[in-house]
């Protein structure tokens, strides 16, 4: 088993129209406004940007995200990732009654030396860190879609 390889899947049920969810997720520069763990998105050009994330554990992950697929008709947004993590991430959206079902899939290899060093003993904590980040992202997106970008109720 490659202890530096991760596959993640999150499913979000959102009480917002598919088009609104797609527009919010397609606008990566605004992620820091509603997703607390996405600390910074610095555009490099129309298809690439540098992303810095930090969840509960005391480390940042920095990677370049490059748009691979943007298909509104299919409800798909996909990026390739290089840097502290190498791999890909994809949103797949579908109408779910009046709302939207958002599926997030990610497959990465960790390249950050500190995380590679602690790959075996740290794996449960790294997975929990990701789960907490995704939970906060869903809460933030719900608030953002309601017109409350800071996520405060």
N, C-alpha and C. Protein backbone atom coordinates (compact mmCIF):
# COMPACT_ATOMS: atom_id res chain seq x y z
N UNK A 1 0.84 -1.19 0.00
CA UNK A 1 0.00 0.00 0.00
C UNK A 1 0.88 1.25 0.00
N UNK A 2 0.52 2.20 -0.83
CA UNK A 2 1.21 3.49 -0.86
C UNK A 2 0.52 4.40 0.15
N UNK A 3 1.16 4.64 1.27
CA UNK A 3 0.57 5.40 2.36
C UNK A 3 0.47 6.89 2.04
N UNK A 4 1.07 7.35 0.94
CA UNK A 4 0.98 8.76 0.57
C UNK A 4 -0.10 8.99 -0.49
N UNK A 5 -0.84 7.96 -0.84
CA UNK A 5 -1.91 8.04 -1.83
C UNK A 5 -3.25 8.13 -1.10
N UNK A 6 -4.09 9.08 -1.53
CA UNK A 6 -5.40 9.26 -0.91
C UNK A 6 -6.47 9.35 -1.98
N UNK A 7 -7.62 8.77 -1.67
CA UNK A 7 -8.84 8.95 -2.46
C UNK A 7 -9.90 9.45 -1.49
N UNK A 8 -10.57 10.51 -1.90
CA UNK A 8 -11.63 11.08 -1.06
C UNK A 8 -12.90 11.20 -1.88
N UNK A 9 -14.03 11.08 -1.22
CA UNK A 9 -15.32 11.36 -1.84
C UNK A 9 -16.21 11.98 -0.78
N UNK A 10 -16.83 13.08 -1.14
CA UNK A 10 -17.80 13.75 -0.27
C UNK A 10 -19.07 13.99 -1.07
N UNK A 11 -20.20 13.82 -0.42
CA UNK A 11 -21.49 14.07 -1.05
C UNK A 11 -22.20 15.16 -0.26
N UNK A 12 -22.60 16.20 -0.98
CA UNK A 12 -23.29 17.31 -0.35
C UNK A 12 -24.67 17.44 -0.97
N UNK A 13 -25.69 17.50 -0.14
CA UNK A 13 -27.04 17.80 -0.58
C UNK A 13 -27.28 19.27 -0.25
N UNK A 14 -27.56 20.06 -1.28
CA UNK A 14 -27.67 21.51 -1.11
C UNK A 14 -29.05 21.98 -1.55
N UNK A 15 -29.67 22.82 -0.75
CA UNK A 15 -31.00 23.35 -1.05
C UNK A 15 -30.86 24.62 -1.89
N UNK A 16 -30.24 24.47 -3.05
CA UNK A 16 -30.04 25.61 -3.97
C UNK A 16 -30.08 25.06 -5.39
N UNK A 17 -30.50 25.88 -6.33
CA UNK A 17 -30.56 25.43 -7.73
C UNK A 17 -29.18 25.05 -8.27
N UNK A 18 -29.17 24.07 -9.14
CA UNK A 18 -27.92 23.57 -9.72
C UNK A 18 -27.08 24.70 -10.33
N UNK A 19 -27.69 25.61 -11.05
CA UNK A 19 -26.93 26.69 -11.69
C UNK A 19 -26.21 27.57 -10.68
N UNK A 20 -26.86 27.85 -9.55
CA UNK A 20 -26.23 28.67 -8.52
C UNK A 20 -25.04 27.95 -7.89
N UNK A 21 -25.21 26.64 -7.63
CA UNK A 21 -24.13 25.85 -7.05
C UNK A 21 -22.97 25.77 -8.03
N UNK A 22 -23.28 25.51 -9.29
CA UNK A 22 -22.23 25.41 -10.30
C UNK A 22 -21.44 26.73 -10.38
N UNK A 23 -22.16 27.85 -10.43
CA UNK A 23 -21.49 29.15 -10.53
C UNK A 23 -20.57 29.39 -9.33
N UNK A 24 -21.03 29.05 -8.13
CA UNK A 24 -20.20 29.26 -6.94
C UNK A 24 -18.95 28.37 -6.97
N UNK A 25 -19.11 27.12 -7.35
CA UNK A 25 -17.97 26.20 -7.37
C UNK A 25 -17.02 26.48 -8.53
N UNK A 26 -17.53 27.06 -9.60
CA UNK A 26 -16.69 27.39 -10.76
C UNK A 26 -15.83 28.62 -10.50
N UNK A 27 -16.17 29.42 -9.50
CA UNK A 27 -15.46 30.66 -9.21
C UNK A 27 -14.45 30.43 -8.08
N UNK A 28 -13.37 29.74 -8.39
CA UNK A 28 -12.38 29.34 -7.38
C UNK A 28 -11.78 30.53 -6.64
N UNK A 29 -11.65 31.67 -7.29
CA UNK A 29 -11.07 32.84 -6.62
C UNK A 29 -11.88 33.27 -5.40
N UNK A 30 -13.16 32.96 -5.39
CA UNK A 30 -14.03 33.35 -4.27
C UNK A 30 -14.09 32.29 -3.16
N UNK A 31 -13.49 31.13 -3.35
CA UNK A 31 -13.54 30.09 -2.32
C UNK A 31 -13.14 30.63 -0.94
N UNK A 32 -12.08 31.42 -0.82
CA UNK A 32 -11.71 31.90 0.53
C UNK A 32 -12.81 32.71 1.22
N UNK A 33 -13.77 33.24 0.46
CA UNK A 33 -14.86 34.01 1.07
C UNK A 33 -15.82 33.11 1.83
N UNK A 34 -15.95 31.86 1.38
CA UNK A 34 -16.93 30.99 2.02
C UNK A 34 -16.36 29.68 2.57
N UNK A 35 -15.16 29.32 2.18
CA UNK A 35 -14.57 28.06 2.65
C UNK A 35 -13.37 28.41 3.52
N UNK A 36 -13.53 28.37 4.84
CA UNK A 36 -12.49 28.86 5.75
C UNK A 36 -11.11 28.23 5.55
N UNK A 37 -11.06 26.98 5.15
CA UNK A 37 -9.77 26.30 5.01
C UNK A 37 -9.07 26.62 3.69
N UNK A 38 -9.76 27.19 2.76
CA UNK A 38 -9.12 27.67 1.52
C UNK A 38 -8.66 29.08 1.83
N UNK A 39 -7.40 29.19 2.20
CA UNK A 39 -6.88 30.45 2.71
C UNK A 39 -6.59 31.45 1.61
N UNK A 40 -6.17 30.95 0.44
CA UNK A 40 -5.75 31.85 -0.63
C UNK A 40 -5.89 31.16 -1.98
N UNK A 41 -6.35 31.90 -2.97
CA UNK A 41 -6.33 31.45 -4.37
C UNK A 41 -5.76 32.60 -5.17
N UNK A 42 -4.59 32.36 -5.76
CA UNK A 42 -3.91 33.39 -6.55
C UNK A 42 -3.91 32.98 -8.01
N UNK A 43 -4.69 33.68 -8.84
CA UNK A 43 -4.73 33.31 -10.26
C UNK A 43 -3.37 33.50 -10.94
N UNK A 44 -3.04 32.56 -11.81
CA UNK A 44 -1.85 32.69 -12.65
C UNK A 44 -2.24 33.07 -14.07
N UNK A 45 -3.35 32.55 -14.52
CA UNK A 45 -3.94 32.89 -15.82
C UNK A 45 -5.39 32.44 -15.78
N UNK A 46 -6.05 32.35 -16.92
CA UNK A 46 -7.48 32.00 -16.92
C UNK A 46 -7.76 30.56 -16.50
N UNK A 47 -6.76 29.68 -16.56
CA UNK A 47 -6.99 28.27 -16.26
C UNK A 47 -6.19 27.73 -15.08
N UNK A 48 -5.31 28.55 -14.51
CA UNK A 48 -4.44 28.07 -13.43
C UNK A 48 -4.39 29.06 -12.28
N UNK A 49 -4.17 28.50 -11.10
CA UNK A 49 -4.01 29.34 -9.93
C UNK A 49 -3.28 28.58 -8.84
N UNK A 50 -2.70 29.33 -7.92
CA UNK A 50 -2.03 28.73 -6.77
C UNK A 50 -3.01 28.76 -5.61
N UNK A 51 -3.19 27.62 -4.96
CA UNK A 51 -4.15 27.46 -3.87
C UNK A 51 -3.39 27.10 -2.61
N UNK A 52 -3.76 27.78 -1.51
CA UNK A 52 -3.19 27.45 -0.21
C UNK A 52 -4.33 27.09 0.72
N UNK A 53 -4.25 25.87 1.28
CA UNK A 53 -5.29 25.41 2.20
C UNK A 53 -4.66 25.04 3.54
N UNK A 54 -5.48 25.15 4.57
CA UNK A 54 -5.06 24.74 5.91
C UNK A 54 -6.32 24.41 6.69
N UNK A 55 -6.37 23.21 7.22
CA UNK A 55 -7.52 22.78 8.01
C UNK A 55 -7.15 22.84 9.49
N UNK A 56 -7.48 21.85 10.26
CA UNK A 56 -7.26 21.87 11.70
C UNK A 56 -5.79 21.62 12.05
N UNK A 57 -5.15 20.68 11.37
CA UNK A 57 -3.76 20.36 11.68
C UNK A 57 -2.85 21.51 11.26
N UNK A 58 -1.73 21.70 11.96
CA UNK A 58 -0.88 22.89 11.74
C UNK A 58 0.08 22.76 10.56
N UNK A 59 -0.48 22.64 9.37
CA UNK A 59 0.35 22.68 8.16
C UNK A 59 -0.49 23.22 7.00
N UNK A 60 0.16 23.89 6.08
CA UNK A 60 -0.48 24.36 4.86
C UNK A 60 -0.17 23.38 3.74
N UNK A 61 -1.08 23.25 2.80
CA UNK A 61 -0.82 22.58 1.54
C UNK A 61 -0.94 23.64 0.45
N UNK A 62 0.07 23.70 -0.39
CA UNK A 62 0.07 24.66 -1.49
C UNK A 62 0.22 23.87 -2.79
N UNK A 63 -0.64 24.17 -3.73
CA UNK A 63 -0.57 23.47 -5.02
C UNK A 63 -1.05 24.40 -6.12
N UNK A 64 -0.64 24.08 -7.32
CA UNK A 64 -1.16 24.76 -8.51
C UNK A 64 -2.32 23.94 -9.02
N UNK A 65 -3.47 24.58 -9.15
CA UNK A 65 -4.64 23.95 -9.75
C UNK A 65 -4.76 24.41 -11.18
N UNK A 66 -4.94 23.44 -12.07
CA UNK A 66 -5.09 23.75 -13.51
C UNK A 66 -6.42 23.16 -13.97
N UNK A 67 -7.27 24.01 -14.51
CA UNK A 67 -8.56 23.56 -14.99
C UNK A 67 -8.38 22.53 -16.11
N UNK A 68 -9.01 21.39 -15.94
CA UNK A 68 -8.97 20.33 -16.93
C UNK A 68 -10.29 20.24 -17.67
N UNK A 69 -11.38 20.39 -16.91
CA UNK A 69 -12.71 20.29 -17.52
C UNK A 69 -13.66 21.24 -16.81
N UNK A 70 -14.37 22.01 -17.63
CA UNK A 70 -15.42 22.90 -17.15
C UNK A 70 -16.59 22.67 -18.10
N UNK A 71 -17.56 21.88 -17.65
CA UNK A 71 -18.67 21.47 -18.51
C UNK A 71 -19.97 21.70 -17.75
N UNK A 72 -20.54 22.87 -17.94
CA UNK A 72 -21.75 23.22 -17.19
C UNK A 72 -22.91 22.30 -17.54
N UNK A 73 -23.05 21.92 -18.82
CA UNK A 73 -24.15 21.04 -19.22
C UNK A 73 -24.07 19.70 -18.50
N UNK A 74 -22.88 19.18 -18.29
CA UNK A 74 -22.70 17.90 -17.59
C UNK A 74 -22.56 18.10 -16.09
N UNK A 75 -22.43 19.34 -15.63
CA UNK A 75 -22.28 19.62 -14.21
C UNK A 75 -20.92 19.20 -13.66
N UNK A 76 -19.88 19.32 -14.48
CA UNK A 76 -18.56 18.85 -14.06
C UNK A 76 -17.55 19.99 -14.05
N UNK A 77 -16.78 20.04 -12.96
CA UNK A 77 -15.64 20.93 -12.81
C UNK A 77 -14.47 20.07 -12.34
N UNK A 78 -13.37 20.08 -13.07
CA UNK A 78 -12.23 19.23 -12.70
C UNK A 78 -10.93 20.00 -12.84
N UNK A 79 -10.03 19.75 -11.88
CA UNK A 79 -8.70 20.35 -11.93
C UNK A 79 -7.64 19.28 -11.76
N UNK A 80 -6.47 19.57 -12.31
CA UNK A 80 -5.26 18.81 -12.01
C UNK A 80 -4.51 19.60 -10.95
N UNK A 81 -3.83 18.89 -10.06
CA UNK A 81 -3.15 19.52 -8.93
C UNK A 81 -1.68 19.10 -8.93
N UNK A 82 -0.78 20.09 -8.78
CA UNK A 82 0.65 19.80 -8.64
C UNK A 82 1.22 20.69 -7.55
N UNK A 83 2.09 20.11 -6.75
CA UNK A 83 2.70 20.86 -5.65
C UNK A 83 2.83 19.96 -4.44
N UNK A 84 2.32 20.41 -3.29
CA UNK A 84 2.36 19.59 -2.07
C UNK A 84 1.51 18.33 -2.21
N UNK A 85 0.54 18.37 -3.11
CA UNK A 85 -0.22 17.20 -3.52
C UNK A 85 -0.27 17.18 -5.04
N UNK A 86 -0.14 16.00 -5.60
CA UNK A 86 -0.23 15.81 -7.05
C UNK A 86 -1.42 14.90 -7.32
N UNK A 87 -2.28 15.31 -8.24
CA UNK A 87 -3.42 14.47 -8.58
C UNK A 87 -4.51 15.29 -9.22
N UNK A 88 -5.74 15.00 -8.85
CA UNK A 88 -6.89 15.69 -9.45
C UNK A 88 -8.02 15.79 -8.44
N UNK A 89 -8.93 16.72 -8.71
CA UNK A 89 -10.15 16.89 -7.94
C UNK A 89 -11.28 17.21 -8.90
N UNK A 90 -12.48 16.70 -8.59
CA UNK A 90 -13.61 16.91 -9.51
C UNK A 90 -14.90 17.10 -8.72
N UNK A 91 -15.65 18.12 -9.12
CA UNK A 91 -17.04 18.29 -8.67
C UNK A 91 -17.94 17.73 -9.76
N UNK A 92 -18.95 16.96 -9.36
CA UNK A 92 -19.98 16.48 -10.28
C UNK A 92 -21.31 16.86 -9.65
N UNK A 93 -22.06 17.68 -10.36
CA UNK A 93 -23.31 18.22 -9.84
C UNK A 93 -24.50 17.64 -10.59
N UNK A 94 -25.59 17.43 -9.87
CA UNK A 94 -26.83 16.95 -10.48
C UNK A 94 -28.00 17.56 -9.73
N UNK A 95 -29.08 17.81 -10.47
CA UNK A 95 -30.30 18.30 -9.84
C UNK A 95 -30.81 17.22 -8.90
N UNK A 96 -31.33 17.66 -7.76
CA UNK A 96 -31.88 16.76 -6.75
C UNK A 96 -33.17 17.41 -6.27
N UNK A 97 -34.25 17.18 -7.00
CA UNK A 97 -35.50 17.90 -6.74
C UNK A 97 -35.25 19.37 -7.01
N UNK A 98 -35.63 20.25 -6.08
CA UNK A 98 -35.38 21.68 -6.27
C UNK A 98 -33.95 22.08 -5.92
N UNK A 99 -33.20 21.15 -5.34
CA UNK A 99 -31.84 21.43 -4.92
C UNK A 99 -30.80 20.78 -5.81
N UNK A 100 -29.63 20.59 -5.24
CA UNK A 100 -28.49 20.06 -5.99
C UNK A 100 -27.75 19.03 -5.15
N UNK A 101 -27.32 17.98 -5.81
CA UNK A 101 -26.42 17.01 -5.19
C UNK A 101 -25.03 17.28 -5.76
N UNK A 102 -24.09 17.54 -4.89
CA UNK A 102 -22.71 17.82 -5.30
C UNK A 102 -21.82 16.68 -4.80
N UNK A 103 -21.12 16.06 -5.72
CA UNK A 103 -20.17 15.00 -5.35
C UNK A 103 -18.76 15.51 -5.61
N UNK A 104 -17.93 15.40 -4.60
CA UNK A 104 -16.53 15.81 -4.71
C UNK A 104 -15.68 14.55 -4.66
N UNK A 105 -14.88 14.36 -5.70
CA UNK A 105 -13.94 13.25 -5.76
C UNK A 105 -12.54 13.82 -5.88
N UNK A 106 -11.60 13.21 -5.18
CA UNK A 106 -10.22 13.66 -5.24
C UNK A 106 -9.32 12.44 -5.11
N UNK A 107 -8.27 12.44 -5.93
CA UNK A 107 -7.24 11.40 -5.83
C UNK A 107 -5.90 12.09 -5.92
N UNK A 108 -5.10 11.94 -4.87
CA UNK A 108 -3.82 12.64 -4.80
C UNK A 108 -2.73 11.76 -4.18
N UNK A 109 -1.50 12.12 -4.51
CA UNK A 109 -0.31 11.64 -3.82
C UNK A 109 0.27 12.84 -3.08
N UNK A 110 0.58 12.64 -1.83
CA UNK A 110 1.17 13.70 -1.03
C UNK A 110 2.66 13.77 -1.35
N UNK A 111 3.15 14.96 -1.67
CA UNK A 111 4.58 15.15 -1.96
C UNK A 111 5.27 16.00 -0.91
N UNK A 112 4.50 16.68 -0.07
CA UNK A 112 5.07 17.53 0.99
C UNK A 112 5.92 16.65 1.91
N UNK A 113 7.22 16.95 2.05
CA UNK A 113 8.11 16.08 2.82
C UNK A 113 7.64 15.77 4.25
N UNK A 114 7.15 16.75 4.98
CA UNK A 114 6.70 16.51 6.35
C UNK A 114 5.58 15.47 6.38
N UNK A 115 4.62 15.60 5.48
CA UNK A 115 3.49 14.67 5.47
C UNK A 115 3.90 13.29 4.98
N UNK A 116 4.87 13.23 4.10
CA UNK A 116 5.39 11.93 3.65
C UNK A 116 6.09 11.22 4.81
N UNK A 117 6.83 11.98 5.60
CA UNK A 117 7.56 11.42 6.74
C UNK A 117 6.60 10.79 7.75
N UNK A 118 5.43 11.40 7.93
CA UNK A 118 4.45 10.91 8.90
C UNK A 118 3.29 10.16 8.22
N UNK A 119 3.54 9.65 7.02
CA UNK A 119 2.48 9.03 6.23
C UNK A 119 1.76 7.90 6.97
N UNK A 120 2.48 7.02 7.61
CA UNK A 120 1.83 5.88 8.26
C UNK A 120 1.16 6.29 9.57
N UNK A 121 1.90 6.85 10.54
CA UNK A 121 1.21 7.17 11.80
C UNK A 121 0.21 8.32 11.67
N UNK A 122 0.40 9.20 10.72
CA UNK A 122 -0.47 10.36 10.59
C UNK A 122 -1.70 10.15 9.73
N UNK A 123 -1.76 9.03 9.02
CA UNK A 123 -2.84 8.83 8.06
C UNK A 123 -4.25 9.04 8.65
N UNK A 124 -4.58 8.46 9.80
CA UNK A 124 -5.93 8.70 10.34
C UNK A 124 -6.19 10.19 10.63
N UNK A 125 -5.20 10.88 11.13
CA UNK A 125 -5.37 12.31 11.41
C UNK A 125 -5.50 13.11 10.12
N UNK A 126 -4.74 12.74 9.08
CA UNK A 126 -4.83 13.45 7.80
C UNK A 126 -6.21 13.27 7.18
N UNK A 127 -6.74 12.04 7.27
CA UNK A 127 -8.08 11.78 6.71
C UNK A 127 -9.15 12.55 7.50
N UNK A 128 -9.01 12.57 8.83
CA UNK A 128 -9.96 13.32 9.65
C UNK A 128 -9.88 14.82 9.35
N UNK A 129 -8.67 15.32 9.14
CA UNK A 129 -8.45 16.72 8.79
C UNK A 129 -9.20 17.07 7.51
N UNK A 130 -9.11 16.18 6.52
CA UNK A 130 -9.81 16.40 5.26
C UNK A 130 -11.32 16.39 5.47
N UNK A 131 -11.81 15.45 6.27
CA UNK A 131 -13.25 15.37 6.52
C UNK A 131 -13.76 16.65 7.19
N UNK A 132 -13.01 17.17 8.15
CA UNK A 132 -13.40 18.43 8.81
C UNK A 132 -13.41 19.58 7.82
N UNK A 133 -12.45 19.61 6.92
CA UNK A 133 -12.39 20.65 5.90
C UNK A 133 -13.62 20.58 4.99
N UNK A 134 -13.99 19.38 4.59
CA UNK A 134 -15.14 19.23 3.71
C UNK A 134 -16.44 19.62 4.43
N UNK A 135 -16.55 19.27 5.68
CA UNK A 135 -17.74 19.64 6.45
C UNK A 135 -17.87 21.17 6.54
N UNK A 136 -16.76 21.83 6.82
CA UNK A 136 -16.77 23.30 6.90
C UNK A 136 -17.05 23.92 5.54
N UNK A 137 -16.54 23.31 4.49
CA UNK A 137 -16.80 23.80 3.14
C UNK A 137 -18.28 23.74 2.80
N UNK A 138 -18.93 22.66 3.15
CA UNK A 138 -20.36 22.54 2.88
C UNK A 138 -21.13 23.62 3.64
N UNK A 139 -20.81 23.78 4.93
CA UNK A 139 -21.50 24.82 5.72
C UNK A 139 -21.27 26.20 5.11
N UNK A 140 -20.04 26.48 4.72
CA UNK A 140 -19.73 27.77 4.13
C UNK A 140 -20.44 28.01 2.82
N UNK A 141 -20.52 26.97 1.99
CA UNK A 141 -21.20 27.12 0.70
C UNK A 141 -22.70 27.35 0.91
N UNK A 142 -23.30 26.64 1.85
CA UNK A 142 -24.72 26.85 2.14
C UNK A 142 -24.96 28.30 2.54
N UNK A 143 -24.13 28.83 3.43
CA UNK A 143 -24.28 30.23 3.85
C UNK A 143 -24.06 31.18 2.68
N UNK A 144 -23.06 30.91 1.88
CA UNK A 144 -22.74 31.75 0.72
C UNK A 144 -23.91 31.78 -0.27
N UNK A 145 -24.49 30.62 -0.52
CA UNK A 145 -25.62 30.55 -1.45
C UNK A 145 -26.86 31.25 -0.91
N UNK A 146 -26.93 31.38 0.41
CA UNK A 146 -28.04 32.12 1.04
C UNK A 146 -27.76 33.62 1.09
N UNK A 147 -26.61 34.02 0.58
CA UNK A 147 -26.27 35.45 0.57
C UNK A 147 -25.53 35.90 1.80
N UNK A 148 -24.93 34.96 2.53
CA UNK A 148 -24.19 35.29 3.75
C UNK A 148 -22.77 34.73 3.60
N UNK A 149 -21.91 35.39 2.81
CA UNK A 149 -20.61 34.84 2.47
C UNK A 149 -19.68 34.59 3.63
N UNK A 150 -19.88 35.23 4.76
CA UNK A 150 -18.97 34.99 5.89
C UNK A 150 -19.30 33.70 6.61
N UNK A 151 -20.46 33.11 6.31
CA UNK A 151 -20.85 31.87 6.94
C UNK A 151 -21.49 32.05 8.31
N UNK A 152 -21.70 33.30 8.73
CA UNK A 152 -22.31 33.57 10.04
C UNK A 152 -23.82 33.45 9.93
N UNK A 153 -24.44 32.85 10.92
CA UNK A 153 -25.90 32.72 10.91
C UNK A 153 -26.57 33.95 11.45
